[in-house]
Amino acid sequence: MNASKSAALVEVLTRHRDTLLADWLNQHLSIALRRGLTTEAEMNDQFRNFLNIFSETLAKADTLDATRPEWEPVRAFLADMSAHRARQGFTPVETATFVFSLKQPLYARLREEFGSQPAELAEVSWSLNLLLDALGLFTTEVFQRSREAIIARQQEELLELSTPVVQLWEGILALPLIGTLDSARTQVVMESLLQKIVETGAAISIIDITGVPTVDTLVAQHLLKTVAAARLMGADCIISGIRPQIAQTIVHLGVDLTNVITKSTLADAFIVALQKSGSSIPTRAAS
């Protein structure tokens, strides 16, 4: 697309700016406001700012190839917008429609300007269509990456919340595990436990697996890694919550826990921990 046609497109955008903005914005307001995702003022600023950047870039660019360096300001704006919408709760379709829906009002204005020049209208419309398609797909790609990053962060936060390290007594920590223990969670478990050992100077840690539904070879290996890491930090470990079914499974799998103290309940493990630390729970004298 040559410079003259690019300039003509800029002129169309400039001349019909207010009408174009109103028609484009109206396609989105009712849905977004009904869902409570944003405000009319925020959307108005967002759409107006995009038109500004789009028009400025179009006036300077020698091509309508959205991947070229001169279109970086537009891509940067759309990247920020897509990431923001991902956090707000918009869908990928709603985000991509931000760009795609600009076609209809733009084509209407182009028909008014080039109605008597069908060849030029077709050329300008086709070039513009390719540009907006590329930018719309770009928003979808950025939105997807943003959503994946949000989900990954939420999963990390859930892992941290699901592996609380509790100080039961002076020098005694407890780590109650609930749910499946996989490699990713084992890493979080070890980091949480080791950090707490450093903070408190605890000498004994109780790992309670009462809430772990099944123990297989992989889970047992994860437990042993956690025990080994704690020992390197100077803390002995006790594993509690060893139910009969789990005991049979561990024996059947041939997992060696002979160097690890195991107990059936957290209470039993706590008593052992008190004995090892030389502490005792004071009892109330009989009246």
C-alpha atoms as a PDB file:
ATOM      1  CA  MET A   1       0.000   0.000   0.000  1.00  0.00           C
ATOM      2  CA  ASN A   2       1.634   3.254  -1.098  1.00  0.00           C
ATOM      3  CA  ALA A   3       2.056   6.415   0.925  1.00  0.00           C
ATOM      4  CA  SER A   4      -0.824   8.240  -0.772  1.00  0.00           C
ATOM      5  CA  LYS A   5      -3.341   5.583   0.195  1.00  0.00           C
ATOM      6  CA  SER A   6      -1.921   5.467   3.718  1.00  0.00           C
ATOM      7  CA  ALA A   7      -2.344   9.221   3.924  1.00  0.00           C
ATOM      8  CA  ALA A   8      -5.918   8.898   2.631  1.00  0.00           C
ATOM      9  CA  LEU A   9      -6.662   6.382   5.373  1.00  0.00           C
ATOM     10  CA  VAL A  10      -5.209   8.730   7.991  1.00  0.00           C
ATOM     11  CA  GLU A  11      -7.415  11.496   6.602  1.00  0.00           C
ATOM     12  CA  VAL A  12     -10.483   9.273   6.919  1.00  0.00           C
ATOM     13  CA  LEU A  13      -9.593   8.464  10.512  1.00  0.00           C
ATOM     14  CA  THR A  14      -9.067  12.120  11.314  1.00  0.00           C
ATOM     15  CA  ARG A  15     -12.179  13.438   9.610  1.00  0.00           C
ATOM     16  CA  HIS A  16     -14.566  10.845  11.035  1.00  0.00           C
ATOM     17  CA  ARG A  17     -12.788  10.371  14.342  1.00  0.00           C
ATOM     18  CA  ASP A  18     -15.671  11.159  16.727  1.00  0.00           C
ATOM     19  CA  THR A  19     -18.270   9.164  14.772  1.00  0.00           C
ATOM     20  CA  LEU A  20     -15.881   6.278  14.348  1.00  0.00           C
ATOM     21  CA  LEU A  21     -15.041   6.239  18.059  1.00  0.00           C
ATOM     22  CA  ALA A  22     -18.723   6.355  19.078  1.00  0.00           C
ATOM     23  CA  ASP A  23     -19.735   3.527  16.717  1.00  0.00           C
ATOM     24  CA  TRP A  24     -16.782   1.371  17.778  1.00  0.00           C
ATOM     25  CA  LEU A  25     -17.243   1.961  21.496  1.00  0.00           C
ATOM     26  CA  ASN A  26     -20.984   1.269  21.430  1.00  0.00           C
ATOM     27  CA  GLN A  27     -20.318  -2.283  20.270  1.00  0.00           C
ATOM     28  CA  HIS A  28     -18.536  -3.013  23.554  1.00  0.00           C
ATOM     29  CA  LEU A  29     -20.120  -0.864  26.246  1.00  0.00           C
ATOM     30  CA  SER A  30     -23.310  -2.828  26.842  1.00  0.00           C
ATOM     31  CA  ILE A  31     -21.518  -6.166  27.306  1.00  0.00           C
ATOM     32  CA  ALA A  32     -18.631  -4.886  29.434  1.00  0.00           C
ATOM     33  CA  LEU A  33     -20.814  -2.703  31.669  1.00  0.00           C
ATOM     34  CA  ARG A  34     -23.415  -5.428  32.108  1.00  0.00           C
ATOM     35  CA  ARG A  35     -20.733  -7.827  33.318  1.00  0.00           C
ATOM     36  CA  GLY A  36     -19.243  -5.166  35.591  1.00  0.00           C
ATOM     37  CA  LEU A  37     -15.740  -5.664  34.221  1.00  0.00           C
ATOM     38  CA  THR A  38     -14.881  -1.998  33.757  1.00  0.00           C
ATOM     39  CA  THR A  39     -16.315   1.519  33.658  1.00  0.00           C
ATOM     40  CA  GLU A  40     -17.505   3.589  30.739  1.00  0.00           C
ATOM     41  CA  ALA A  41     -14.826   6.216  31.450  1.00  0.00           C
ATOM     42  CA  GLU A  42     -12.040   3.615  31.399  1.00  0.00           C
ATOM     43  CA  MET A  43     -13.281   2.115  28.138  1.00  0.00           C
ATOM     44  CA  ASN A  44     -13.641   5.526  26.548  1.00  0.00           C
ATOM     45  CA  ASP A  45     -10.031   6.386  27.435  1.00  0.00           C
ATOM     46  CA  GLN A  46      -8.814   2.996  26.244  1.00  0.00           C
ATOM     47  CA  PHE A  47     -10.516   3.213  22.852  1.00  0.00           C
ATOM     48  CA  ARG A  48      -9.577   6.872  22.337  1.00  0.00           C
ATOM     49  CA  ASN A  49      -5.910   6.225  23.197  1.00  0.00           C
ATOM     50  CA  PHE A  50      -5.755   3.311  20.784  1.00  0.00           C
ATOM     51  CA  LEU A  51      -7.133   5.432  17.953  1.00  0.00           C
ATOM     52  CA  ASN A  52      -4.521   8.087  18.731  1.00  0.00           C
ATOM     53  CA  ILE A  53      -1.628   5.615  18.612  1.00  0.00           C
ATOM     54  CA  PHE A  54      -3.073   3.802  15.607  1.00  0.00           C
ATOM     55  CA  SER A  55      -3.460   7.051  13.618  1.00  0.00           C
ATOM     56  CA  GLU A  56       0.003   8.341  14.593  1.00  0.00           C
ATOM     57  CA  THR A  57       1.671   5.061  13.628  1.00  0.00           C
ATOM     58  CA  LEU A  58      -0.274   4.860  10.382  1.00  0.00           C
ATOM     59  CA  ALA A  59       0.882   8.362   9.443  1.00  0.00           C
ATOM     60  CA  LYS A  60       4.546   7.432   9.978  1.00  0.00           C
ATOM     61  CA  ALA A  61       4.600   3.839   8.712  1.00  0.00           C
ATOM     62  CA  ASP A  62       5.580   2.907   5.159  1.00  0.00           C
ATOM     63  CA  THR A  63       3.732  -0.399   5.377  1.00  0.00           C
ATOM     64  CA  LEU A  64       0.676  -1.956   6.954  1.00  0.00           C
ATOM     65  CA  ASP A  65       2.657  -4.995   8.097  1.00  0.00           C
ATOM     66  CA  ALA A  66       1.892  -5.221  11.837  1.00  0.00           C
ATOM     67  CA  THR A  67       5.118  -7.141  12.501  1.00  0.00           C
ATOM     68  CA  ARG A  68       7.365  -4.292  11.339  1.00  0.00           C
ATOM     69  CA  PRO A  69       9.268  -2.192  13.910  1.00  0.00           C
ATOM     70  CA  GLU A  70       7.290   0.975  13.154  1.00  0.00           C
ATOM     71  CA  TRP A  71       4.144  -0.721  14.477  1.00  0.00           C
ATOM     72  CA  GLU A  72       5.754  -1.428  17.864  1.00  0.00           C
ATOM     73  CA  PRO A  73       3.807   1.395  19.637  1.00  0.00           C
ATOM     74  CA  VAL A  74       0.525  -0.200  18.568  1.00  0.00           C
ATOM     75  CA  ARG A  75       1.679  -3.678  19.596  1.00  0.00           C
ATOM     76  CA  ALA A  76       2.893  -2.347  22.948  1.00  0.00           C
ATOM     77  CA  PHE A  77      -0.471  -0.698  23.606  1.00  0.00           C
ATOM     78  CA  LEU A  78      -2.356  -3.871  22.699  1.00  0.00           C
ATOM     79  CA  ALA A  79      -0.032  -5.982  24.856  1.00  0.00           C
ATOM     80  CA  ASP A  80      -0.721  -3.813  27.910  1.00  0.00           C
ATOM     81  CA  MET A  81      -4.441  -3.772  27.144  1.00  0.00           C
ATOM     82  CA  SER A  82      -4.629  -7.548  26.698  1.00  0.00           C
ATOM     83  CA  ALA A  83      -2.753  -8.228  29.933  1.00  0.00           C
ATOM     84  CA  HIS A  84      -4.997  -5.761  31.764  1.00  0.00           C
ATOM     85  CA  ARG A  85      -8.134  -7.393  30.377  1.00  0.00           C
ATOM     86  CA  ALA A  86      -6.857 -10.823  31.355  1.00  0.00           C
ATOM     87  CA  ARG A  87      -6.627  -9.604  34.959  1.00  0.00           C
ATOM     88  CA  GLN A  88     -10.062  -7.964  34.752  1.00  0.00           C
ATOM     89  CA  GLY A  89     -11.796 -11.174  33.685  1.00  0.00           C
ATOM     90  CA  PHE A  90     -12.455 -10.524  29.995  1.00  0.00           C
ATOM     91  CA  THR A  91     -12.504 -13.544  27.680  1.00  0.00           C
ATOM     92  CA  PRO A  92     -10.030 -14.044  24.800  1.00  0.00           C
ATOM     93  CA  VAL A  93     -12.849 -13.412  22.309  1.00  0.00           C
ATOM     94  CA  GLU A  94     -13.857 -10.157  24.007  1.00  0.00           C
ATOM     95  CA  THR A  95     -10.234  -9.028  23.987  1.00  0.00           C
ATOM     96  CA  ALA A  96      -9.627  -9.837  20.315  1.00  0.00           C
ATOM     97  CA  THR A  97     -12.952  -8.214  19.417  1.00  0.00           C
ATOM     98  CA  PHE A  98     -11.478  -4.928  20.651  1.00  0.00           C
ATOM     99  CA  VAL A  99      -9.529  -4.856  17.385  1.00  0.00           C
ATOM    100  CA  PHE A 100     -11.768  -6.879  15.075  1.00  0.00           C
ATOM    101  CA  SER A 101     -14.830  -4.745  15.808  1.00  0.00           C
ATOM    102  CA  LEU A 102     -13.013  -1.690  14.489  1.00  0.00           C
ATOM    103  CA  LYS A 103     -13.483  -3.072  10.982  1.00  0.00           C
ATOM    104  CA  GLN A 104     -17.191  -2.363  10.620  1.00  0.00           C
ATOM    105  CA  PRO A 105     -17.167   1.370  11.477  1.00  0.00           C
ATOM    106  CA  LEU A 106     -13.931   1.864   9.521  1.00  0.00           C
ATOM    107  CA  TYR A 107     -15.320   0.138   6.428  1.00  0.00           C
ATOM    108  CA  ALA A 108     -18.437   2.303   6.642  1.00  0.00           C
ATOM    109  CA  ARG A 109     -16.310   5.444   6.601  1.00  0.00           C
ATOM    110  CA  LEU A 110     -14.155   4.088   3.764  1.00  0.00           C
ATOM    111  CA  ARG A 111     -17.218   3.385   1.641  1.00  0.00           C
ATOM    112  CA  GLU A 112     -18.248   7.014   2.095  1.00  0.00           C
ATOM    113  CA  GLU A 113     -14.837   8.226   0.935  1.00  0.00           C
ATOM    114  CA  PHE A 114     -14.081   5.730  -1.833  1.00  0.00           C
ATOM    115  CA  GLY A 115     -17.591   4.832  -2.965  1.00  0.00           C
ATOM    116  CA  SER A 116     -16.917   6.118  -6.468  1.00  0.00           C
ATOM    117  CA  GLN A 117     -13.530   4.356  -6.649  1.00  0.00           C
ATOM    118  CA  PRO A 118     -14.257   0.634  -6.191  1.00  0.00           C
ATOM    119  CA  ALA A 119     -10.730  -0.476  -7.061  1.00  0.00           C
ATOM    120  CA  GLU A 120      -9.122   1.791  -4.489  1.00  0.00           C
ATOM    121  CA  LEU A 121     -11.804   0.900  -1.941  1.00  0.00           C
ATOM    122  CA  ALA A 122     -11.060  -2.801  -2.413  1.00  0.00           C
ATOM    123  CA  GLU A 123      -7.295  -2.268  -2.124  1.00  0.00           C
ATOM    124  CA  VAL A 124      -7.508  -0.091   0.978  1.00  0.00           C
ATOM    125  CA  SER A 125     -10.095  -2.361   2.620  1.00  0.00           C
ATOM    126  CA  TRP A 126      -8.060  -5.512   1.973  1.00  0.00           C
ATOM    127  CA  SER A 127      -4.825  -3.994   3.329  1.00  0.00           C
ATOM    128  CA  LEU A 128      -6.658  -2.692   6.370  1.00  0.00           C
ATOM    129  CA  ASN A 129      -8.329  -6.061   6.886  1.00  0.00           C
ATOM    130  CA  LEU A 130      -4.955  -7.846   6.956  1.00  0.00           C
ATOM    131  CA  LEU A 131      -3.558  -5.294   9.403  1.00  0.00           C
ATOM    132  CA  LEU A 132      -6.462  -5.540  11.848  1.00  0.00           C
ATOM    133  CA  ASP A 133      -6.496  -9.350  11.614  1.00  0.00           C
ATOM    134  CA  ALA A 134      -2.808  -9.454  12.524  1.00  0.00           C
ATOM    135  CA  LEU A 135      -3.305  -7.052  15.441  1.00  0.00           C
ATOM    136  CA  GLY A 136      -6.354  -8.971  16.670  1.00  0.00           C
ATOM    137  CA  LEU A 137      -4.454 -12.261  16.644  1.00  0.00           C
ATOM    138  CA  PHE A 138      -1.603 -10.535  18.467  1.00  0.00           C
ATOM    139  CA  THR A 139      -3.978  -9.554  21.300  1.00  0.00           C
ATOM    140  CA  THR A 140      -5.142 -13.170  21.581  1.00  0.00           C
ATOM    141  CA  GLU A 141      -1.557 -14.401  21.845  1.00  0.00           C
ATOM    142  CA  VAL A 142      -0.660 -11.869  24.540  1.00  0.00           C
ATOM    143  CA  PHE A 143      -3.917 -12.537  26.397  1.00  0.00           C
ATOM    144  CA  GLN A 144      -3.189 -16.272  26.465  1.00  0.00           C
ATOM    145  CA  ARG A 145       0.332 -15.741  27.809  1.00  0.00           C
ATOM    146  CA  SER A 146      -1.031 -13.374  30.455  1.00  0.00           C
ATOM    147  CA  ARG A 147      -3.701 -15.847  31.539  1.00  0.00           C
ATOM    148  CA  GLU A 148      -1.110 -18.636  31.750  1.00  0.00           C
ATOM    149  CA  ALA A 149       1.096 -16.419  33.908  1.00  0.00           C
ATOM    150  CA  ILE A 150      -1.861 -15.573  36.174  1.00  0.00           C
ATOM    151  CA  ILE A 151      -2.829 -19.244  36.520  1.00  0.00           C
ATOM    152  CA  ALA A 152       0.769 -20.254  37.260  1.00  0.00           C
ATOM    153  CA  ARG A 153       1.037 -17.558  39.932  1.00  0.00           C
ATOM    154  CA  GLN A 154      -2.280 -18.628  41.471  1.00  0.00           C
ATOM    155  CA  GLN A 155      -1.114 -22.246  41.520  1.00  0.00           C
ATOM    156  CA  GLU A 156       2.078 -21.210  43.311  1.00  0.00           C
ATOM    157  CA  GLU A 157       0.054 -19.250  45.846  1.00  0.00           C
ATOM    158  CA  LEU A 158      -2.269 -22.213  46.398  1.00  0.00           C
ATOM    159  CA  LEU A 159       0.721 -24.503  46.882  1.00  0.00           C
ATOM    160  CA  GLU A 160       2.143 -22.140  49.467  1.00  0.00           C
ATOM    161  CA  LEU A 161      -1.215 -21.929  51.248  1.00  0.00           C
ATOM    162  CA  SER A 162      -1.607 -25.702  51.183  1.00  0.00           C
ATOM    163  CA  THR A 163       1.778 -26.308  52.828  1.00  0.00           C
ATOM    164  CA  PRO A 164       1.749 -24.261  56.035  1.00  0.00           C
ATOM    165  CA  VAL A 165       4.599 -24.829  58.488  1.00  0.00           C
ATOM    166  CA  VAL A 166       3.392 -24.501  62.083  1.00  0.00           C
ATOM    167  CA  GLN A 167       5.560 -24.073  65.168  1.00  0.00           C
ATOM    168  CA  LEU A 168       4.045 -26.471  67.698  1.00  0.00           C
ATOM    169  CA  TRP A 169       6.591 -25.893  70.446  1.00  0.00           C
ATOM    170  CA  GLU A 170       9.928 -24.309  71.031  1.00  0.00           C
ATOM    171  CA  GLY A 171      12.212 -26.039  68.534  1.00  0.00           C
ATOM    172  CA  ILE A 172       9.412 -28.217  67.092  1.00  0.00           C
ATOM    173  CA  LEU A 173       7.760 -27.615  63.713  1.00  0.00           C
ATOM    174  CA  ALA A 174       4.841 -29.382  62.045  1.00  0.00           C
ATOM    175  CA  LEU A 175       4.130 -29.595  58.347  1.00  0.00           C
ATOM    176  CA  PRO A 176       0.636 -31.046  57.685  1.00  0.00           C
ATOM    177  CA  LEU A 177       0.298 -32.239  54.100  1.00  0.00           C
ATOM    178  CA  ILE A 178      -3.074 -32.547  52.392  1.00  0.00           C
ATOM    179  CA  GLY A 179      -3.588 -33.863  48.876  1.00  0.00           C
ATOM    180  CA  THR A 180      -1.226 -35.265  46.285  1.00  0.00           C
ATOM    181  CA  LEU A 181       2.500 -34.744  46.730  1.00  0.00           C
ATOM    182  CA  ASP A 182       4.119 -34.242  43.323  1.00  0.00           C
ATOM    183  CA  SER A 183       7.497 -32.839  42.277  1.00  0.00           C
ATOM    184  CA  ALA A 184       6.340 -29.206  42.100  1.00  0.00           C
ATOM    185  CA  ARG A 185       4.680 -29.355  45.487  1.00  0.00           C
ATOM    186  CA  THR A 186       7.649 -31.160  47.017  1.00  0.00           C
ATOM    187  CA  GLN A 187       9.830 -28.224  46.020  1.00  0.00           C
ATOM    188  CA  VAL A 188       7.449 -25.799  47.731  1.00  0.00           C
ATOM    189  CA  VAL A 189       7.267 -28.082  50.795  1.00  0.00           C
ATOM    190  CA  MET A 190      11.045 -28.218  51.116  1.00  0.00           C
ATOM    191  CA  GLU A 191      11.474 -24.483  50.618  1.00  0.00           C
ATOM    192  CA  SER A 192       8.766 -23.668  53.188  1.00  0.00           C
ATOM    193  CA  LEU A 193      10.135 -26.130  55.728  1.00  0.00           C
ATOM    194  CA  LEU A 194      13.773 -25.129  55.312  1.00  0.00           C
ATOM    195  CA  GLN A 195      12.928 -21.441  55.515  1.00  0.00           C
ATOM    196  CA  LYS A 196      11.007 -22.018  58.741  1.00  0.00           C
ATOM    197  CA  ILE A 197      13.881 -24.067  60.175  1.00  0.00           C
ATOM    198  CA  VAL A 198      16.227 -21.144  59.477  1.00  0.00           C
ATOM    199  CA  GLU A 199      13.797 -18.623  60.995  1.00  0.00           C
ATOM    200  CA  THR A 200      13.072 -20.584  64.184  1.00  0.00           C
ATOM    201  CA  GLY A 201      16.215 -22.669  64.643  1.00  0.00           C
ATOM    202  CA  ALA A 202      13.967 -25.719  65.138  1.00  0.00           C
ATOM    203  CA  ALA A 203      15.712 -29.038  65.720  1.00  0.00           C
ATOM    204  CA  ILE A 204      12.720 -31.286  65.025  1.00  0.00           C
ATOM    205  CA  SER A 205      10.156 -31.244  62.209  1.00  0.00           C
ATOM    206  CA  ILE A 206       7.042 -33.370  62.044  1.00  0.00           C
ATOM    207  CA  ILE A 207       5.758 -34.134  58.543  1.00  0.00           C
ATOM    208  CA  ASP A 208       2.157 -35.260  58.875  1.00  0.00           C
ATOM    209  CA  ILE A 209       0.751 -37.188  55.885  1.00  0.00           C
ATOM    210  CA  THR A 210      -2.655 -37.964  57.366  1.00  0.00           C
ATOM    211  CA  GLY A 211      -4.247 -35.941  54.563  1.00  0.00           C
ATOM    212  CA  VAL A 212      -2.250 -37.580  51.768  1.00  0.00           C
ATOM    213  CA  PRO A 213      -4.662 -40.051  50.116  1.00  0.00           C
ATOM    214  CA  THR A 214      -2.103 -42.460  48.666  1.00  0.00           C
ATOM    215  CA  VAL A 215       1.607 -43.097  48.999  1.00  0.00           C
ATOM    216  CA  ASP A 216       3.446 -44.583  46.050  1.00  0.00           C
ATOM    217  CA  THR A 217       7.139 -44.854  45.242  1.00  0.00           C
ATOM    218  CA  LEU A 218       7.255 -41.284  43.930  1.00  0.00           C
ATOM    219  CA  VAL A 219       5.548 -39.836  47.006  1.00  0.00           C
ATOM    220  CA  ALA A 220       7.865 -41.812  49.282  1.00  0.00           C
ATOM    221  CA  GLN A 221      10.890 -40.486  47.398  1.00  0.00           C
ATOM    222  CA  HIS A 222       9.591 -36.940  47.780  1.00  0.00           C
ATOM    223  CA  LEU A 223       9.199 -37.486  51.518  1.00  0.00           C
ATOM    224  CA  LEU A 224      12.722 -38.856  51.825  1.00  0.00           C
ATOM    225  CA  LYS A 225      14.097 -35.866  49.892  1.00  0.00           C
ATOM    226  CA  THR A 226      12.352 -33.511  52.280  1.00  0.00           C
ATOM    227  CA  VAL A 227      13.694 -35.412  55.291  1.00  0.00           C
ATOM    228  CA  ALA A 228      17.227 -35.351  53.836  1.00  0.00           C
ATOM    229  CA  ALA A 229      17.027 -31.615  53.135  1.00  0.00           C
ATOM    230  CA  ALA A 230      15.823 -30.906  56.683  1.00  0.00           C
ATOM    231  CA  ARG A 231      18.657 -32.978  58.136  1.00  0.00           C
ATOM    232  CA  LEU A 232      21.181 -30.984  56.132  1.00  0.00           C
ATOM    233  CA  MET A 233      19.777 -27.929  57.899  1.00  0.00           C
ATOM    234  CA  GLY A 234      20.282 -29.625  61.277  1.00  0.00           C
ATOM    235  CA  ALA A 235      16.691 -30.731  61.945  1.00  0.00           C
ATOM    236  CA  ASP A 236      15.513 -34.308  62.528  1.00  0.00           C
ATOM    237  CA  CYS A 237      12.226 -35.347  60.951  1.00  0.00           C
ATOM    238  CA  ILE A 238       9.345 -37.472  62.173  1.00  0.00           C
ATOM    239  CA  ILE A 239       6.702 -38.681  59.724  1.00  0.00           C
ATOM    240  CA  SER A 240       3.242 -39.043  61.225  1.00  0.00           C
ATOM    241  CA  GLY A 241      -0.056 -40.223  59.764  1.00  0.00           C
ATOM    242  CA  ILE A 242       1.224 -43.672  58.803  1.00  0.00           C
ATOM    243  CA  ARG A 243      -2.055 -45.604  58.434  1.00  0.00           C
ATOM    244  CA  PRO A 244      -2.132 -49.422  58.105  1.00  0.00           C
ATOM    245  CA  GLN A 245      -2.795 -49.235  54.361  1.00  0.00           C
ATOM    246  CA  ILE A 246       0.108 -46.837  53.849  1.00  0.00           C
ATOM    247  CA  ALA A 247       2.406 -48.985  55.988  1.00  0.00           C
ATOM    248  CA  GLN A 248       1.575 -52.024  53.859  1.00  0.00           C
ATOM    249  CA  THR A 249       2.126 -50.035  50.665  1.00  0.00           C
ATOM    250  CA  ILE A 250       5.509 -48.756  51.821  1.00  0.00           C
ATOM    251  CA  VAL A 251       6.621 -52.292  52.731  1.00  0.00           C
ATOM    252  CA  HIS A 252       5.326 -53.629  49.421  1.00  0.00           C
ATOM    253  CA  LEU A 253       7.200 -50.945  47.500  1.00  0.00           C
ATOM    254  CA  GLY A 254      10.395 -51.710  49.380  1.00  0.00           C
ATOM    255  CA  VAL A 255      10.862 -48.114  50.507  1.00  0.00           C
ATOM    256  CA  ASP A 256      13.464 -47.878  53.255  1.00  0.00           C
ATOM    257  CA  LEU A 257      12.226 -45.705  56.132  1.00  0.00           C
ATOM    258  CA  THR A 258      14.312 -47.403  58.794  1.00  0.00           C
ATOM    259  CA  ASN A 259      16.291 -44.226  59.462  1.00  0.00           C
ATOM    260  CA  VAL A 260      13.143 -42.136  59.863  1.00  0.00           C
ATOM    261  CA  ILE A 261      10.927 -42.128  62.940  1.00  0.00           C
ATOM    262  CA  THR A 262       7.316 -42.809  61.927  1.00  0.00           C
ATOM    263  CA  LYS A 263       4.127 -42.567  63.984  1.00  0.00           C
ATOM    264  CA  SER A 264       0.479 -43.231  63.290  1.00  0.00           C
ATOM    265  CA  THR A 265      -0.795 -39.895  64.596  1.00  0.00           C
ATOM    266  CA  LEU A 266       0.416 -36.343  64.919  1.00  0.00           C
ATOM    267  CA  ALA A 267      -0.149 -36.520  68.672  1.00  0.00           C
ATOM    268  CA  ASP A 268       2.198 -39.515  68.997  1.00  0.00           C
ATOM    269  CA  ALA A 269       4.799 -37.753  66.878  1.00  0.00           C
ATOM    270  CA  PHE A 270       4.514 -34.635  69.030  1.00  0.00           C
ATOM    271  CA  ILE A 271       5.161 -36.673  72.189  1.00  0.00           C
ATOM    272  CA  VAL A 272       8.294 -38.170  70.621  1.00  0.00           C
ATOM    273  CA  ALA A 273       9.424 -34.720  69.543  1.00  0.00           C
ATOM    274  CA  LEU A 274       9.004 -33.399  73.084  1.00  0.00           C
ATOM    275  CA  GLN A 275      11.019 -36.305  74.456  1.00  0.00           C
ATOM    276  CA  LYS A 276      13.816 -35.788  71.918  1.00  0.00           C
ATOM    277  CA  SER A 277      13.962 -32.083  72.679  1.00  0.00           C
ATOM    278  CA  GLY A 278      13.941 -32.665  76.415  1.00  0.00           C
ATOM    279  CA  SER A 279      10.705 -30.749  76.869  1.00  0.00           C
ATOM    280  CA  SER A 280       7.464 -31.705  78.527  1.00  0.00           C
ATOM    281  CA  ILE A 281       3.942 -30.330  78.675  1.00  0.00           C
ATOM    282  CA  PRO A 282       3.234 -29.033  82.167  1.00  0.00           C
ATOM    283  CA  THR A 283       0.160 -30.611  83.734  1.00  0.00           C
ATOM    284  CA  ARG A 284      -2.267 -28.750  85.931  1.00  0.00           C
ATOM    285  CA  ALA A 285      -1.975 -29.786  89.561  1.00  0.00           C
ATOM    286  CA  ALA A 286      -4.962 -31.625  90.996  1.00  0.00           C
ATOM    287  CA  SER A 287      -7.093 -29.483  93.302  1.00  0.00           C
END
